Amino acid sequence: MSARKGGKQVRPWAAVLCGVVCLGAAACRSAFIETTVQNDGTTPVHLIEVDYPSASFGMQTLDAHASYHYHFKVQGSGAVTITFLDNAGKPHTATGPTLTQGQQGNLKITIDPSASVSWGGGLSSGGR
């Protein structure tokens, strides 16, 4: 069955097919890791750099009890590392989980008052 609109035939199955394709395209998304760097210390930390497979991000200063949010897509595989200077200028480095291409989820990096780093969150393989 078809209907006429403005002299052209509109086929219901074509409209349904178009709707399914649009919904399918909207459901597809790239796998990203939502990352939070949290400073639970009582003083700021400085020159923070987070390295992950094929790239990095960072910030100049992260104030006490502050957090920084960033998302990225994993290209390749390797460990996540964080380097930073405490308020006295002492450098710190910590190695976190190993990431693989296509992973997605949440990663929380917490710097405690003694400048120790803990890693949390939930990561999956990125299957749709």
PDB file of N, CA and C in Angstrom:
ATOM      1  N   MET A   1       0.839  -1.164   0.000  1.00  0.00           N
ATOM      2  CA  MET A   1       0.000   0.000   0.000  1.00  0.00           C
ATOM      3  C   MET A   1       0.892   1.237   0.000  1.00  0.00           C
ATOM      4  N   SER A   2       0.483   2.242  -0.699  1.00  0.00           N
ATOM      5  CA  SER A   2       1.226   3.486  -0.741  1.00  0.00           C
ATOM      6  C   SER A   2       0.249   4.652  -0.726  1.00  0.00           C
ATOM      7  N   ALA A   3       0.740   5.771  -0.315  1.00  0.00           N
ATOM      8  CA  ALA A   3      -0.084   6.981  -0.274  1.00  0.00           C
ATOM      9  C   ALA A   3       0.560   8.021  -1.179  1.00  0.00           C
ATOM     10  N   ARG A   4      -0.277   8.937  -1.651  1.00  0.00           N
ATOM     11  CA  ARG A   4       0.230   9.997  -2.501  1.00  0.00           C
ATOM     12  C   ARG A   4       0.381  11.262  -1.669  1.00  0.00           C
ATOM     13  N   LYS A   5       1.535  11.902  -1.855  1.00  0.00           N
ATOM     14  CA  LYS A   5       1.764  13.167  -1.173  1.00  0.00           C
ATOM     15  C   LYS A   5       2.442  14.091  -2.178  1.00  0.00           C
ATOM     16  N   GLY A   6       1.805  15.157  -2.510  1.00  0.00           N
ATOM     17  CA  GLY A   6       2.361  16.127  -3.449  1.00  0.00           C
ATOM     18  C   GLY A   6       2.664  15.518  -4.803  1.00  0.00           C
ATOM     19  N   GLY A   7       1.873  14.543  -5.237  1.00  0.00           N
ATOM     20  CA  GLY A   7       2.085  13.932  -6.535  1.00  0.00           C
ATOM     21  C   GLY A   7       3.116  12.808  -6.521  1.00  0.00           C
ATOM     22  N   LYS A   8       3.738  12.518  -5.383  1.00  0.00           N
ATOM     23  CA  LYS A   8       4.722  11.440  -5.280  1.00  0.00           C
ATOM     24  C   LYS A   8       4.187  10.365  -4.352  1.00  0.00           C
ATOM     25  N   GLN A   9       4.554   9.140  -4.648  1.00  0.00           N
ATOM     26  CA  GLN A   9       4.141   8.042  -3.782  1.00  0.00           C
ATOM     27  C   GLN A   9       5.077   7.925  -2.589  1.00  0.00           C
ATOM     28  N   VAL A  10       4.484   7.755  -1.411  1.00  0.00           N
ATOM     29  CA  VAL A  10       5.255   7.533  -0.197  1.00  0.00           C
ATOM     30  C   VAL A  10       4.979   6.106   0.243  1.00  0.00           C
ATOM     31  N   ARG A  11       6.012   5.294   0.316  1.00  0.00           N
ATOM     32  CA  ARG A  11       5.841   3.902   0.698  1.00  0.00           C
ATOM     33  C   ARG A  11       6.118   3.752   2.196  1.00  0.00           C
ATOM     34  N   PRO A  12       5.188   3.170   2.936  1.00  0.00           N
ATOM     35  CA  PRO A  12       5.376   3.018   4.380  1.00  0.00           C
ATOM     36  C   PRO A  12       6.640   2.227   4.728  1.00  0.00           C
ATOM     37  N   TRP A  13       6.966   1.209   3.959  1.00  0.00           N
ATOM     38  CA  TRP A  13       8.155   0.400   4.281  1.00  0.00           C
ATOM     39  C   TRP A  13       9.429   1.224   4.147  1.00  0.00           C
ATOM     40  N   ALA A  14       9.442   2.200   3.221  1.00  0.00           N
ATOM     41  CA  ALA A  14      10.616   3.058   3.046  1.00  0.00           C
ATOM     42  C   ALA A  14      10.797   3.964   4.262  1.00  0.00           C
ATOM     43  N   ALA A  15       9.694   4.467   4.785  1.00  0.00           N
ATOM     44  CA  ALA A  15       9.765   5.311   5.978  1.00  0.00           C
ATOM     45  C   ALA A  15      10.253   4.497   7.179  1.00  0.00           C
ATOM     46  N   VAL A  16       9.775   3.272   7.314  1.00  0.00           N
ATOM     47  CA  VAL A  16      10.205   2.398   8.417  1.00  0.00           C
ATOM     48  C   VAL A  16      11.689   2.082   8.269  1.00  0.00           C
ATOM     49  N   LEU A  17      12.128   1.746   7.063  1.00  0.00           N
ATOM     50  CA  LEU A  17      13.536   1.438   6.820  1.00  0.00           C
ATOM     51  C   LEU A  17      14.420   2.647   7.145  1.00  0.00           C
ATOM     52  N   CYS A  18      13.985   3.806   6.737  1.00  0.00           N
ATOM     53  CA  CYS A  18      14.742   5.024   7.024  1.00  0.00           C
ATOM     54  C   CYS A  18      14.832   5.245   8.535  1.00  0.00           C
ATOM     55  N   GLY A  19      13.750   5.013   9.254  1.00  0.00           N
ATOM     56  CA  GLY A  19      13.747   5.164  10.705  1.00  0.00           C
ATOM     57  C   GLY A  19      14.691   4.196  11.387  1.00  0.00           C
ATOM     58  N   VAL A  20      14.706   2.940  10.917  1.00  0.00           N
ATOM     59  CA  VAL A  20      15.601   1.931  11.494  1.00  0.00           C
ATOM     60  C   VAL A  20      17.058   2.303  11.248  1.00  0.00           C
ATOM     61  N   VAL A  21      17.378   2.758  10.058  1.00  0.00           N
ATOM     62  CA  VAL A  21      18.749   3.157   9.738  1.00  0.00           C
ATOM     63  C   VAL A  21      19.167   4.340  10.607  1.00  0.00           C
ATOM     64  N   CYS A  22      18.291   5.314  10.767  1.00  0.00           N
ATOM     65  CA  CYS A  22      18.620   6.479  11.599  1.00  0.00           C
ATOM     66  C   CYS A  22      18.829   6.080  13.047  1.00  0.00           C
ATOM     67  N   LEU A  23      17.981   5.217  13.590  1.00  0.00           N
ATOM     68  CA  LEU A  23      18.152   4.756  14.967  1.00  0.00           C
ATOM     69  C   LEU A  23      19.448   3.969  15.126  1.00  0.00           C
ATOM     70  N   GLY A  24      19.745   3.131  14.149  1.00  0.00           N
ATOM     71  CA  GLY A  24      20.985   2.357  14.201  1.00  0.00           C
ATOM     72  C   GLY A  24      22.207   3.244  14.180  1.00  0.00           C
ATOM     73  N   ALA A  25      22.181   4.271  13.359  1.00  0.00           N
ATOM     74  CA  ALA A  25      23.313   5.189  13.288  1.00  0.00           C
ATOM     75  C   ALA A  25      23.453   5.978  14.577  1.00  0.00           C
ATOM     76  N   ALA A  26      22.350   6.337  15.195  1.00  0.00           N
ATOM     77  CA  ALA A  26      22.407   7.087  16.453  1.00  0.00           C
ATOM     78  C   ALA A  26      22.935   6.209  17.583  1.00  0.00           C
ATOM     79  N   ALA A  27      22.686   4.910  17.535  1.00  0.00           N
ATOM     80  CA  ALA A  27      23.135   4.008  18.592  1.00  0.00           C
ATOM     81  C   ALA A  27      24.632   3.718  18.489  1.00  0.00           C
ATOM     82  N   CYS A  28      25.217   3.876  17.323  1.00  0.00           N
ATOM     83  CA  CYS A  28      26.643   3.633  17.152  1.00  0.00           C
ATOM     84  C   CYS A  28      27.425   4.813  17.705  1.00  0.00           C
ATOM     85  N   ARG A  29      28.429   4.506  18.509  1.00  0.00           N
ATOM     86  CA  ARG A  29      29.278   5.568  19.016  1.00  0.00           C
ATOM     87  C   ARG A  29      30.658   4.993  19.249  1.00  0.00           C
ATOM     88  N   SER A  30      31.630   5.857  19.252  1.00  0.00           N
ATOM     89  CA  SER A  30      33.000   5.428  19.480  1.00  0.00           C
ATOM     90  C   SER A  30      33.194   5.089  20.947  1.00  0.00           C
ATOM     91  N   ALA A  31      34.134   4.193  21.186  1.00  0.00           N
ATOM     92  CA  ALA A  31      34.466   3.799  22.553  1.00  0.00           C
ATOM     93  C   ALA A  31      35.418   4.821  23.156  1.00  0.00           C
ATOM     94  N   PHE A  32      34.985   5.484  24.213  1.00  0.00           N
ATOM     95  CA  PHE A  32      35.800   6.463  24.912  1.00  0.00           C
ATOM     96  C   PHE A  32      35.959   6.068  26.363  1.00  0.00           C
ATOM     97  N   ILE A  33      37.025   6.526  26.967  1.00  0.00           N
ATOM     98  CA  ILE A  33      37.228   6.356  28.396  1.00  0.00           C
ATOM     99  C   ILE A  33      37.059   7.723  29.047  1.00  0.00           C
ATOM    100  N   GLU A  34      36.085   7.809  29.934  1.00  0.00           N
ATOM    101  CA  GLU A  34      35.835   9.026  30.702  1.00  0.00           C
ATOM    102  C   GLU A  34      36.758   8.987  31.909  1.00  0.00           C
ATOM    103  N   THR A  35      37.639   9.963  32.022  1.00  0.00           N
ATOM    104  CA  THR A  35      38.664   9.950  33.059  1.00  0.00           C
ATOM    105  C   THR A  35      38.478  11.119  34.020  1.00  0.00           C
ATOM    106  N   THR A  36      38.650  10.823  35.301  1.00  0.00           N
ATOM    107  CA  THR A  36      38.644  11.854  36.331  1.00  0.00           C
ATOM    108  C   THR A  36      39.946  11.766  37.102  1.00  0.00           C
ATOM    109  N   VAL A  37      40.648  12.878  37.201  1.00  0.00           N
ATOM    110  CA  VAL A  37      41.825  12.977  38.061  1.00  0.00           C
ATOM    111  C   VAL A  37      41.374  13.768  39.278  1.00  0.00           C
ATOM    112  N   GLN A  38      41.467  13.161  40.455  1.00  0.00           N
ATOM    113  CA  GLN A  38      40.976  13.759  41.699  1.00  0.00           C
ATOM    114  C   GLN A  38      42.138  13.992  42.652  1.00  0.00           C
ATOM    115  N   ASN A  39      42.265  15.215  43.143  1.00  0.00           N
ATOM    116  CA  ASN A  39      43.275  15.534  44.151  1.00  0.00           C
ATOM    117  C   ASN A  39      42.593  15.561  45.513  1.00  0.00           C
ATOM    118  N   ASP A  40      42.775  14.506  46.297  1.00  0.00           N
ATOM    119  CA  ASP A  40      42.191  14.446  47.635  1.00  0.00           C
ATOM    120  C   ASP A  40      43.115  15.043  48.692  1.00  0.00           C
ATOM    121  N   GLY A  41      44.227  15.611  48.261  1.00  0.00           N
ATOM    122  CA  GLY A  41      45.178  16.210  49.183  1.00  0.00           C
ATOM    123  C   GLY A  41      44.723  17.563  49.689  1.00  0.00           C
ATOM    124  N   THR A  42      45.514  18.102  50.622  1.00  0.00           N
ATOM    125  CA  THR A  42      45.199  19.409  51.215  1.00  0.00           C
ATOM    126  C   THR A  42      45.972  20.538  50.552  1.00  0.00           C
ATOM    127  N   THR A  43      46.832  20.198  49.594  1.00  0.00           N
ATOM    128  CA  THR A  43      47.595  21.206  48.854  1.00  0.00           C
ATOM    129  C   THR A  43      47.478  20.911  47.361  1.00  0.00           C
ATOM    130  N   PRO A  44      47.707  21.898  46.513  1.00  0.00           N
ATOM    131  CA  PRO A  44      47.642  21.664  45.071  1.00  0.00           C
ATOM    132  C   PRO A  44      48.775  20.757  44.594  1.00  0.00           C
ATOM    133  N   VAL A  45      48.564  20.125  43.443  1.00  0.00           N
ATOM    134  CA  VAL A  45      49.630  19.422  42.729  1.00  0.00           C
ATOM    135  C   VAL A  45      49.812  20.148  41.402  1.00  0.00           C
ATOM    136  N   HIS A  46      51.013  20.005  40.834  1.00  0.00           N
ATOM    137  CA  HIS A  46      51.360  20.816  39.664  1.00  0.00           C
ATOM    138  C   HIS A  46      51.918  19.946  38.534  1.00  0.00           C
ATOM    139  N   LEU A  47      51.874  20.495  37.327  1.00  0.00           N
ATOM    140  CA  LEU A  47      52.428  19.863  36.122  1.00  0.00           C
ATOM    141  C   LEU A  47      51.993  18.404  36.002  1.00  0.00           C
ATOM    142  N   ILE A  48      50.686  18.182  36.048  1.00  0.00           N
ATOM    143  CA  ILE A  48      50.118  16.843  35.974  1.00  0.00           C
ATOM    144  C   ILE A  48      50.071  16.409  34.522  1.00  0.00           C
ATOM    145  N   GLU A  49      50.574  15.217  34.253  1.00  0.00           N
ATOM    146  CA  GLU A  49      50.505  14.641  32.912  1.00  0.00           C
ATOM    147  C   GLU A  49      50.058  13.196  33.023  1.00  0.00           C
ATOM    148  N   VAL A  50      49.032  12.854  32.252  1.00  0.00           N
ATOM    149  CA  VAL A  50      48.535  11.484  32.182  1.00  0.00           C
ATOM    150  C   VAL A  50      48.858  10.967  30.785  1.00  0.00           C
ATOM    151  N   ASP A  51      49.669   9.919  30.730  1.00  0.00           N
ATOM    152  CA  ASP A  51      50.035   9.301  29.456  1.00  0.00           C
ATOM    153  C   ASP A  51      49.235   8.019  29.281  1.00  0.00           C
ATOM    154  N   TYR A  52      48.694   7.838  28.106  1.00  0.00           N
ATOM    155  CA  TYR A  52      47.963   6.616  27.759  1.00  0.00           C
ATOM    156  C   TYR A  52      48.398   6.227  26.355  1.00  0.00           C
ATOM    157  N   PRO A  53      48.054   5.020  25.901  1.00  0.00           N
ATOM    158  CA  PRO A  53      48.549   4.578  24.589  1.00  0.00           C
ATOM    159  C   PRO A  53      48.286   5.603  23.482  1.00  0.00           C
ATOM    160  N   SER A  54      49.321   6.083  22.877  1.00  0.00           N
ATOM    161  CA  SER A  54      49.374   6.964  21.713  1.00  0.00           C
ATOM    162  C   SER A  54      49.116   8.443  21.985  1.00  0.00           C
ATOM    163  N   ALA A  55      48.901   8.841  23.239  1.00  0.00           N
ATOM    164  CA  ALA A  55      48.660  10.263  23.502  1.00  0.00           C
ATOM    165  C   ALA A  55      48.782  10.568  24.991  1.00  0.00           C
ATOM    166  N   SER A  56      48.495  11.815  25.341  1.00  0.00           N
ATOM    167  CA  SER A  56      48.524  12.224  26.742  1.00  0.00           C
ATOM    168  C   SER A  56      47.657  13.469  26.913  1.00  0.00           C
ATOM    169  N   PHE A  57      47.359  13.774  28.170  1.00  0.00           N
ATOM    170  CA  PHE A  57      46.703  15.032  28.497  1.00  0.00           C
ATOM    171  C   PHE A  57      47.259  15.508  29.832  1.00  0.00           C
ATOM    172  N   GLY A  58      47.043  16.765  30.128  1.00  0.00           N
ATOM    173  CA  GLY A  58      47.556  17.273  31.382  1.00  0.00           C
ATOM    174  C   GLY A  58      46.969  18.606  31.750  1.00  0.00           C
ATOM    175  N   MET A  59      47.423  19.091  32.887  1.00  0.00           N
ATOM    176  CA  MET A  59      46.987  20.381  33.381  1.00  0.00           C
ATOM    177  C   MET A  59      48.118  21.000  34.183  1.00  0.00           C
ATOM    178  N   GLN A  60      48.114  22.296  34.283  1.00  0.00           N
ATOM    179  CA  GLN A  60      49.157  23.014  35.006  1.00  0.00           C
ATOM    180  C   GLN A  60      49.070  22.780  36.508  1.00  0.00           C
ATOM    181  N   THR A  61      47.873  22.955  37.072  1.00  0.00           N
ATOM    182  CA  THR A  61      47.665  22.834  38.517  1.00  0.00           C
ATOM    183  C   THR A  61      46.311  22.194  38.785  1.00  0.00           C
ATOM    184  N   LEU A  62      46.272  21.351  39.788  1.00  0.00           N
ATOM    185  CA  LEU A  62      45.014  20.781  40.264  1.00  0.00           C
ATOM    186  C   LEU A  62      44.942  21.108  41.756  1.00  0.00           C
ATOM    187  N   ASP A  63      44.019  21.983  42.098  1.00  0.00           N
ATOM    188  CA  ASP A  63      43.899  22.448  43.475  1.00  0.00           C
ATOM    189  C   ASP A  63      43.499  21.320  44.424  1.00  0.00           C
ATOM    190  N   ALA A  64      43.713  21.553  45.721  1.00  0.00           N
ATOM    191  CA  ALA A  64      43.302  20.598  46.749  1.00  0.00           C
ATOM    192  C   ALA A  64      41.802  20.341  46.639  1.00  0.00           C
ATOM    193  N   HIS A  65      41.410  19.090  46.760  1.00  0.00           N
ATOM    194  CA  HIS A  65      40.003  18.646  46.733  1.00  0.00           C
ATOM    195  C   HIS A  65      39.309  18.986  45.412  1.00  0.00           C
ATOM    196  N   ALA A  66      40.072  19.137  44.352  1.00  0.00           N
ATOM    197  CA  ALA A  66      39.502  19.447  43.032  1.00  0.00           C
ATOM    198  C   ALA A  66      39.631  18.226  42.129  1.00  0.00           C
ATOM    199  N   SER A  67      38.877  18.253  41.050  1.00  0.00           N
ATOM    200  CA  SER A  67      38.976  17.167  40.065  1.00  0.00           C
ATOM    201  C   SER A  67      39.012  17.757  38.663  1.00  0.00           C
ATOM    202  N   TYR A  68      39.528  16.951  37.746  1.00  0.00           N
ATOM    203  CA  TYR A  68      39.645  17.338  36.344  1.00  0.00           C
ATOM    204  C   TYR A  68      39.094  16.189  35.520  1.00  0.00           C
ATOM    205  N   HIS A  69      38.235  16.496  34.568  1.00  0.00           N
ATOM    206  CA  HIS A  69      37.594  15.471  33.739  1.00  0.00           C
ATOM    207  C   HIS A  69      38.108  15.571  32.306  1.00  0.00           C
ATOM    208  N   TYR A  70      38.301  14.406  31.709  1.00  0.00           N
ATOM    209  CA  TYR A  70      38.807  14.338  30.339  1.00  0.00           C
ATOM    210  C   TYR A  70      38.343  13.007  29.753  1.00  0.00           C
ATOM    211  N   HIS A  71      38.071  12.970  28.457  1.00  0.00           N
ATOM    212  CA  HIS A  71      37.767  11.679  27.824  1.00  0.00           C
ATOM    213  C   HIS A  71      38.677  11.482  26.619  1.00  0.00           C
ATOM    214  N   PHE A  72      38.985  10.221  26.380  1.00  0.00           N
ATOM    215  CA  PHE A  72      39.876   9.907  25.269  1.00  0.00           C
ATOM    216  C   PHE A  72      39.533   8.551  24.688  1.00  0.00           C
ATOM    217  N   LYS A  73      40.019   8.348  23.479  1.00  0.00           N
ATOM    218  CA  LYS A  73      39.844   7.087  22.766  1.00  0.00           C
ATOM    219  C   LYS A  73      41.191   6.372  22.744  1.00  0.00           C
ATOM    220  N   VAL A  74      41.196   5.102  23.083  1.00  0.00           N
ATOM    221  CA  VAL A  74      42.444   4.343  23.137  1.00  0.00           C
ATOM    222  C   VAL A  74      42.819   3.878  21.733  1.00  0.00           C
ATOM    223  N   GLN A  75      44.026   4.220  21.314  1.00  0.00           N
ATOM    224  CA  GLN A  75      44.589   3.767  20.038  1.00  0.00           C
ATOM    225  C   GLN A  75      45.827   2.940  20.387  1.00  0.00           C
ATOM    226  N   GLY A  76      45.783   1.659  20.195  1.00  0.00           N
ATOM    227  CA  GLY A  76      46.907   0.802  20.560  1.00  0.00           C
ATOM    228  C   GLY A  76      46.708   0.232  21.949  1.00  0.00           C
ATOM    229  N   SER A  77      47.793  -0.183  22.586  1.00  0.00           N
ATOM    230  CA  SER A  77      47.693  -0.710  23.939  1.00  0.00           C
ATOM    231  C   SER A  77      48.921  -0.318  24.747  1.00  0.00           C
ATOM    232  N   GLY A  78      48.745  -0.254  26.053  1.00  0.00           N
ATOM    233  CA  GLY A  78      49.831   0.094  26.948  1.00  0.00           C
ATOM    234  C   GLY A  78      49.290   0.588  28.268  1.00  0.00           C
ATOM    235  N   ALA A  79      50.192   0.810  29.199  1.00  0.00           N
ATOM    236  CA  ALA A  79      49.811   1.245  30.544  1.00  0.00           C
ATOM    237  C   ALA A  79      49.527   2.741  30.587  1.00  0.00           C
ATOM    238  N   VAL A  80      48.680   3.121  31.508  1.00  0.00           N
ATOM    239  CA  VAL A  80      48.421   4.519  31.808  1.00  0.00           C
ATOM    240  C   VAL A  80      49.405   4.918  32.907  1.00  0.00           C
ATOM    241  N   THR A  81      50.009   6.094  32.779  1.00  0.00           N
ATOM    242  CA  THR A  81      50.873   6.602  33.835  1.00  0.00           C
ATOM    243  C   THR A  81      50.490   8.043  34.148  1.00  0.00           C
ATOM    244  N   ILE A  82      50.741   8.433  35.378  1.00  0.00           N
ATOM    245  CA  ILE A  82      50.546   9.821  35.779  1.00  0.00           C
ATOM    246  C   ILE A  82      51.840  10.313  36.406  1.00  0.00           C
ATOM    247  N   THR A  83      52.228  11.522  36.051  1.00  0.00           N
ATOM    248  CA  THR A  83      53.373  12.176  36.682  1.00  0.00           C
ATOM    249  C   THR A  83      52.908  13.556  37.142  1.00  0.00           C
ATOM    250  N   PHE A  84      53.443  13.985  38.275  1.00  0.00           N
ATOM    251  CA  PHE A  84      53.076  15.293  38.800  1.00  0.00           C
ATOM    252  C   PHE A  84      54.107  15.724  39.837  1.00  0.00           C
ATOM    253  N   LEU A  85      54.055  17.006  40.183  1.00  0.00           N
ATOM    254  CA  LEU A  85      54.878  17.565  41.247  1.00  0.00           C
ATOM    255  C   LEU A  85      53.976  17.886  42.424  1.00  0.00           C
ATOM    256  N   ASP A  86      54.398  17.473  43.625  1.00  0.00           N
ATOM    257  CA  ASP A  86      53.629  17.878  44.802  1.00  0.00           C
ATOM    258  C   ASP A  86      53.896  19.351  45.092  1.00  0.00           C
ATOM    259  N   ASN A  87      53.267  19.892  46.116  1.00  0.00           N
ATOM    260  CA  ASN A  87      53.374  21.321  46.393  1.00  0.00           C
ATOM    261  C   ASN A  87      54.791  21.740  46.780  1.00  0.00           C
ATOM    262  N   ALA A  88      55.616  20.764  47.225  1.00  0.00           N
ATOM    263  CA  ALA A  88      57.015  21.064  47.570  1.00  0.00           C
ATOM    264  C   ALA A  88      57.929  20.942  46.354  1.00  0.00           C
ATOM    265  N   GLY A  89      57.380  20.553  45.205  1.00  0.00           N
ATOM    266  CA  GLY A  89      58.172  20.415  43.987  1.00  0.00           C
ATOM    267  C   GLY A  89      58.768  19.034  43.788  1.00  0.00           C
ATOM    268  N   LYS A  90      58.411  18.080  44.636  1.00  0.00           N
ATOM    269  CA  LYS A  90      58.927  16.715  44.518  1.00  0.00           C
ATOM    270  C   LYS A  90      58.151  15.969  43.427  1.00  0.00           C
ATOM    271  N   PRO A  91      58.863  15.325  42.476  1.00  0.00           N
ATOM    272  CA  PRO A  91      58.175  14.601  41.395  1.00  0.00           C
ATOM    273  C   PRO A  91      57.636  13.246  41.870  1.00  0.00           C
ATOM    274  N   HIS A  92      56.492  12.870  41.293  1.00  0.00           N
ATOM    275  CA  HIS A  92      55.853  11.586  41.583  1.00  0.00           C
ATOM    276  C   HIS A  92      55.412  10.960  40.261  1.00  0.00           C
ATOM    277  N   THR A  93      55.547   9.652  40.164  1.00  0.00           N
ATOM    278  CA  THR A  93      55.091   8.899  38.991  1.00  0.00           C
ATOM    279  C   THR A  93      54.393   7.647  39.480  1.00  0.00           C
ATOM    280  N   ALA A  94      53.284   7.305  38.837  1.00  0.00           N
ATOM    281  CA  ALA A  94      52.567   6.071  39.161  1.00  0.00           C
ATOM    282  C   ALA A  94      52.062   5.439  37.874  1.00  0.00           C
ATOM    283  N   THR A  95      52.087   4.119  37.846  1.00  0.00           N
ATOM    284  CA  THR A  95      51.607   3.370  36.685  1.00  0.00           C
ATOM    285  C   THR A  95      50.288   2.698  37.032  1.00  0.00           C
ATOM    286  N   GLY A  96      49.334   2.843  36.134  1.00  0.00           N
ATOM    287  CA  GLY A  96      48.002   2.280  36.348  1.00  0.00           C
ATOM    288  C   GLY A  96      47.724   1.096  35.452  1.00  0.00           C
ATOM    289  N   PRO A  97      46.473   0.913  35.101  1.00  0.00           N
ATOM    290  CA  PRO A  97      46.073  -0.256  34.318  1.00  0.00           C
ATOM    291  C   PRO A  97      46.601  -0.210  32.884  1.00  0.00           C
ATOM    292  N   THR A  98      46.691  -1.371  32.283  1.00  0.00           N
ATOM    293  CA  THR A  98      47.026  -1.477  30.865  1.00  0.00           C
ATOM    294  C   THR A  98      45.735  -1.383  30.069  1.00  0.00           C
ATOM    295  N   LEU A  99      45.736  -0.506  29.086  1.00  0.00           N
ATOM    296  CA  LEU A  99      44.571  -0.300  28.232  1.00  0.00           C
ATOM    297  C   LEU A  99      44.814  -0.946  26.873  1.00  0.00           C
ATOM    298  N   THR A 100      43.737  -1.391  26.253  1.00  0.00           N
ATOM    299  CA  THR A 100      43.821  -1.944  24.900  1.00  0.00           C
ATOM    300  C   THR A 100      42.838  -1.205  23.999  1.00  0.00           C
ATOM    301  N   GLN A 101      43.162  -1.176  22.745  1.00  0.00           N
ATOM    302  CA  GLN A 101      42.345  -0.461  21.771  1.00  0.00           C
ATOM    303  C   GLN A 101      40.901  -0.925  21.856  1.00  0.00           C
ATOM    304  N   GLY A 102      39.981   0.023  21.833  1.00  0.00           N
ATOM    305  CA  GLY A 102      38.559  -0.282  21.850  1.00  0.00           C
ATOM    306  C   GLY A 102      37.947  -0.310  23.235  1.00  0.00           C
ATOM    307  N   GLN A 103      38.768  -0.231  24.289  1.00  0.00           N
ATOM    308  CA  GLN A 103      38.188  -0.229  25.627  1.00  0.00           C
ATOM    309  C   GLN A 103      37.361   1.025  25.835  1.00  0.00           C
ATOM    310  N   GLN A 104      36.394   0.917  26.744  1.00  0.00           N
ATOM    311  CA  GLN A 104      35.550   2.049  27.089  1.00  0.00           C
ATOM    312  C   GLN A 104      35.160   1.944  28.551  1.00  0.00           C
ATOM    313  N   GLY A 105      34.664   3.042  29.091  1.00  0.00           N
ATOM    314  CA  GLY A 105      34.214   3.045  30.469  1.00  0.00           C
ATOM    315  C   GLY A 105      34.756   4.234  31.233  1.00  0.00           C
ATOM    316  N   ASN A 106      34.978   4.022  32.531  1.00  0.00           N
ATOM    317  CA  ASN A 106      35.411   5.095  33.427  1.00  0.00           C
ATOM    318  C   ASN A 106      36.742   4.741  34.054  1.00  0.00           C
ATOM    319  N   LEU A 107      37.574   5.739  34.229  1.00  0.00           N
ATOM    320  CA  LEU A 107      38.860   5.586  34.900  1.00  0.00           C
ATOM    321  C   LEU A 107      38.981   6.731  35.892  1.00  0.00           C
ATOM    322  N   LYS A 108      39.205   6.385  37.168  1.00  0.00           N
ATOM    323  CA  LYS A 108      39.391   7.415  38.188  1.00  0.00           C
ATOM    324  C   LYS A 108      40.802   7.291  38.735  1.00  0.00           C
ATOM    325  N   ILE A 109      41.509   8.412  38.710  1.00  0.00           N
ATOM    326  CA  ILE A 109      42.868   8.490  39.223  1.00  0.00           C
ATOM    327  C   ILE A 109      42.814   9.422  40.425  1.00  0.00           C
ATOM    328  N   THR A 110      43.121   8.887  41.601  1.00  0.00           N
ATOM    329  CA  THR A 110      43.017   9.668  42.824  1.00  0.00           C
ATOM    330  C   THR A 110      44.394   9.861  43.445  1.00  0.00           C
ATOM    331  N   ILE A 111      44.722  11.109  43.735  1.00  0.00           N
ATOM    332  CA  ILE A 111      45.969  11.454  44.428  1.00  0.00           C
ATOM    333  C   ILE A 111      45.595  11.740  45.878  1.00  0.00           C
ATOM    334  N   ASP A 112      46.135  10.954  46.815  1.00  0.00           N
ATOM    335  CA  ASP A 112      45.774  11.136  48.217  1.00  0.00           C
ATOM    336  C   ASP A 112      46.682  12.168  48.893  1.00  0.00           C
ATOM    337  N   PRO A 113      46.429  12.512  50.166  1.00  0.00           N
ATOM    338  CA  PRO A 113      47.221  13.552  50.838  1.00  0.00           C
ATOM    339  C   PRO A 113      48.723  13.261  50.934  1.00  0.00           C
ATOM    340  N   SER A 114      49.111  11.975  50.861  1.00  0.00           N
ATOM    341  CA  SER A 114      50.544  11.648  50.908  1.00  0.00           C
ATOM    342  C   SER A 114      51.152  11.543  49.513  1.00  0.00           C
ATOM    343  N   ALA A 115      50.409  11.942  48.489  1.00  0.00           N
ATOM    344  CA  ALA A 115      50.818  11.921  47.076  1.00  0.00           C
ATOM    345  C   ALA A 115      50.870  10.513  46.497  1.00  0.00           C
ATOM    346  N   SER A 116      50.240   9.552  47.177  1.00  0.00           N
ATOM    347  CA  SER A 116      50.092   8.212  46.596  1.00  0.00           C
ATOM    348  C   SER A 116      48.919   8.248  45.613  1.00  0.00           C
ATOM    349  N   VAL A 117      48.991   7.385  44.617  1.00  0.00           N
ATOM    350  CA  VAL A 117      47.970   7.361  43.570  1.00  0.00           C
ATOM    351  C   VAL A 117      47.219   6.046  43.619  1.00  0.00           C
ATOM    352  N   SER A 118      45.900   6.119  43.526  1.00  0.00           N
ATOM    353  CA  SER A 118      45.078   4.911  43.395  1.00  0.00           C
ATOM    354  C   SER A 118      44.279   5.010  42.102  1.00  0.00           C
ATOM    355  N   TRP A 119      43.960   3.836  41.566  1.00  0.00           N
ATOM    356  CA  TRP A 119      43.282   3.743  40.269  1.00  0.00           C
ATOM    357  C   TRP A 119      41.970   3.007  40.474  1.00  0.00           C
ATOM    358  N   GLY A 120      40.901   3.535  39.896  1.00  0.00           N
ATOM    359  CA  GLY A 120      39.594   2.892  40.016  1.00  0.00           C
ATOM    360  C   GLY A 120      38.790   3.077  38.750  1.00  0.00           C
ATOM    361  N   GLY A 121      37.540   2.673  38.827  1.00  0.00           N
ATOM    362  CA  GLY A 121      36.641   2.804  37.692  1.00  0.00           C
ATOM    363  C   GLY A 121      36.270   1.455  37.125  1.00  0.00           C
ATOM    364  N   GLY A 122      35.594   1.485  36.023  1.00  0.00           N
ATOM    365  CA  GLY A 122      35.178   0.261  35.345  1.00  0.00           C
ATOM    366  C   GLY A 122      35.402   0.366  33.853  1.00  0.00           C
ATOM    367  N   LEU A 123      36.197  -0.552  33.332  1.00  0.00           N
ATOM    368  CA  LEU A 123      36.502  -0.551  31.899  1.00  0.00           C
ATOM    369  C   LEU A 123      36.016  -1.842  31.279  1.00  0.00           C
ATOM    370  N   SER A 124      35.527  -1.748  30.058  1.00  0.00           N
ATOM    371  CA  SER A 124      35.091  -2.932  29.321  1.00  0.00           C
ATOM    372  C   SER A 124      35.792  -2.969  27.973  1.00  0.00           C
ATOM    373  N   SER A 125      35.623  -4.076  27.291  1.00  0.00           N
ATOM    374  CA  SER A 125      36.324  -4.273  26.021  1.00  0.00           C
ATOM    375  C   SER A 125      35.773  -3.427  24.887  1.00  0.00           C
ATOM    376  N   GLY A 126      34.654  -2.771  25.081  1.00  0.00           N
ATOM    377  CA  GLY A 126      34.153  -1.855  24.063  1.00  0.00           C
ATOM    378  C   GLY A 126      33.225  -2.488  23.061  1.00  0.00           C
ATOM    379  N   GLY A 127      32.759  -3.706  23.299  1.00  0.00           N
ATOM    380  CA  GLY A 127      31.802  -4.328  22.385  1.00  0.00           C
ATOM    381  C   GLY A 127      30.490  -3.589  22.397  1.00  0.00           C
ATOM    382  N   ARG A 128      29.839  -3.515  21.236  1.00  0.00           N
ATOM    383  CA  ARG A 128      28.578  -2.761  21.149  1.00  0.00           C
ATOM    384  C   ARG A 128      27.426  -3.670  21.382  1.00  0.00           C
TER     385      ARG A 128
END
